[in-house]
Amino acid sequence: MKITGLDQVQEESVSHNPAIKKRVLLRSHDLPHLTNFAQARFAPGQVAQGHSHADMAEVFFVEAGDGTITVDGQAYPLTPGTCIAIEPGEYHEVANTGAQELILTYFGIRT
């Protein structure tokens, strides 16, 4: 068992845009197949540049704010309460299109 709170982990940069900050609650060695479980905060206008993962699925849950996730060229709105699952190989980009901070809780699973 492992218990971790957001206030117990240090803020670090998101690899796809170092200006976006995250707090990682669980890492790849904590559970089988898990790559991470984290919360990222996007300031208005910030974008995590488009990318894909060959061997990982990702699940995003919108805690607060508004944004857009573009998956394989199709844009989808991100609003509080929205959950989106990204399959391995799907090219995706996340952008804060709102006036407030966009807060995403997300995890990755190795396939």
Protein backbone atom coordinates (compact mmCIF):
# COMPACT_ATOMS: atom_id res chain seq x y z
CA MET A 1 0.00 0.00 0.00
CA LYS A 2 1.08 3.57 -0.67
CA ILE A 3 -0.69 6.75 0.41
CA THR A 4 0.37 10.05 -1.16
CA GLY A 5 -1.16 13.52 -1.03
CA LEU A 6 -0.70 16.34 -3.52
CA ASP A 7 0.83 18.40 -0.72
CA GLN A 8 3.47 15.71 -0.17
CA VAL A 9 5.02 15.68 -3.64
CA GLN A 10 7.09 18.35 -5.31
CA GLU A 11 5.97 20.16 -8.42
CA GLU A 12 7.85 19.24 -11.61
CA SER A 13 7.64 20.07 -15.29
CA VAL A 14 5.55 18.20 -17.85
CA SER A 15 7.85 16.66 -20.47
CA HIS A 16 5.83 18.00 -23.42
CA ASN A 17 5.98 21.61 -22.16
CA PRO A 18 8.27 22.47 -19.22
CA ALA A 19 6.17 25.56 -18.39
CA ILE A 20 3.25 23.28 -17.43
CA LYS A 21 3.62 21.92 -13.90
CA LYS A 22 2.48 18.60 -12.45
CA ARG A 23 2.59 16.67 -9.20
CA VAL A 24 3.15 12.92 -9.60
CA LEU A 25 1.33 10.82 -7.01
CA LEU A 26 2.37 7.39 -8.31
CA ARG A 27 5.22 6.38 -10.61
CA SER A 28 5.93 3.37 -12.82
CA HIS A 29 7.53 1.30 -10.06
CA ASP A 30 4.55 1.74 -7.69
CA LEU A 31 2.07 -0.52 -9.54
CA PRO A 32 2.39 -2.99 -12.42
CA HIS A 33 1.66 -1.43 -15.85
CA LEU A 34 1.20 2.07 -14.40
CA THR A 35 3.47 4.73 -15.88
CA ASN A 36 2.27 7.55 -13.63
CA PHE A 37 -0.69 9.05 -11.82
CA ALA A 38 -0.45 12.83 -11.69
CA GLN A 39 -2.20 16.16 -11.70
CA ALA A 40 -1.15 18.86 -14.19
CA ARG A 41 -2.04 22.54 -14.11
CA PHE A 42 -2.17 24.52 -17.36
CA ALA A 43 -2.22 28.32 -17.22
CA PRO A 44 -4.49 30.03 -19.78
CA GLY A 45 -3.00 29.55 -23.24
CA GLN A 46 -0.59 26.77 -22.29
CA VAL A 47 -0.33 23.77 -24.62
CA ALA A 48 1.18 20.31 -24.16
CA GLN A 49 2.48 19.80 -27.69
CA GLY A 50 1.12 16.97 -29.80
CA HIS A 51 2.63 13.54 -29.32
CA SER A 52 1.75 9.85 -29.17
CA HIS A 53 2.86 6.86 -27.12
CA ALA A 54 3.45 3.56 -28.90
CA ASP A 55 3.13 1.42 -25.77
CA MET A 56 0.97 3.45 -23.39
CA ALA A 57 -2.69 4.42 -22.99
CA GLU A 58 -3.54 7.60 -21.06
CA VAL A 59 -6.67 8.63 -19.20
CA PHE A 60 -7.38 12.31 -18.47
CA PHE A 61 -10.01 13.66 -16.06
CA VAL A 62 -10.82 17.38 -16.04
CA GLU A 63 -10.94 18.70 -12.48
CA ALA A 64 -11.37 22.40 -13.36
CA GLY A 65 -11.11 24.85 -16.23
CA ASP A 66 -11.79 24.56 -19.92
CA GLY A 67 -9.64 23.35 -22.75
CA THR A 68 -9.37 21.26 -25.86
CA ILE A 69 -7.81 17.90 -26.53
CA THR A 70 -7.05 17.21 -30.16
CA VAL A 71 -6.81 13.50 -30.99
CA ASP A 72 -5.66 12.47 -34.46
CA GLY A 73 -6.65 15.90 -35.81
CA GLN A 74 -10.13 16.04 -34.21
CA ALA A 75 -10.68 18.58 -31.41
CA TYR A 76 -12.79 17.69 -28.37
CA PRO A 77 -13.82 20.04 -25.54
CA LEU A 78 -12.43 19.55 -22.05
CA THR A 79 -14.80 20.71 -19.32
CA PRO A 80 -15.00 19.81 -15.63
CA GLY A 81 -16.10 16.22 -15.15
CA THR A 82 -14.97 15.07 -18.61
CA CYS A 83 -12.94 11.87 -18.83
CA ILE A 84 -11.10 10.89 -22.02
CA ALA A 85 -9.08 7.77 -22.74
CA ILE A 86 -6.28 7.91 -25.32
CA GLU A 87 -5.29 4.65 -26.97
CA PRO A 88 -1.66 3.76 -27.75
CA GLY A 89 -0.57 5.41 -31.00
CA GLU A 90 -3.23 8.15 -30.95
CA TYR A 91 -1.63 11.56 -31.58
CA HIS A 92 -2.91 14.00 -28.97
CA GLU A 93 -2.40 17.59 -27.83
CA VAL A 94 -3.91 19.35 -24.81
CA ALA A 95 -4.54 23.11 -24.69
CA ASN A 96 -6.03 25.43 -22.10
CA THR A 97 -8.44 27.52 -24.16
CA GLY A 98 -10.16 29.09 -21.16
CA ALA A 99 -9.51 32.11 -18.97
CA GLN A 100 -8.88 30.03 -15.81
CA GLU A 101 -6.36 27.35 -14.90
CA LEU A 102 -7.04 23.95 -16.52
CA ILE A 103 -6.46 21.14 -13.99
CA LEU A 104 -6.14 17.58 -15.31
CA THR A 105 -5.68 14.45 -13.26
CA TYR A 106 -4.31 11.67 -15.44
CA PHE A 107 -2.59 8.31 -15.54
CA GLY A 108 -0.83 6.13 -18.05
CA ILE A 109 -0.90 2.36 -18.46
CA ARG A 110 1.72 0.37 -20.38
CA THR A 111 0.19 -1.94 -22.94
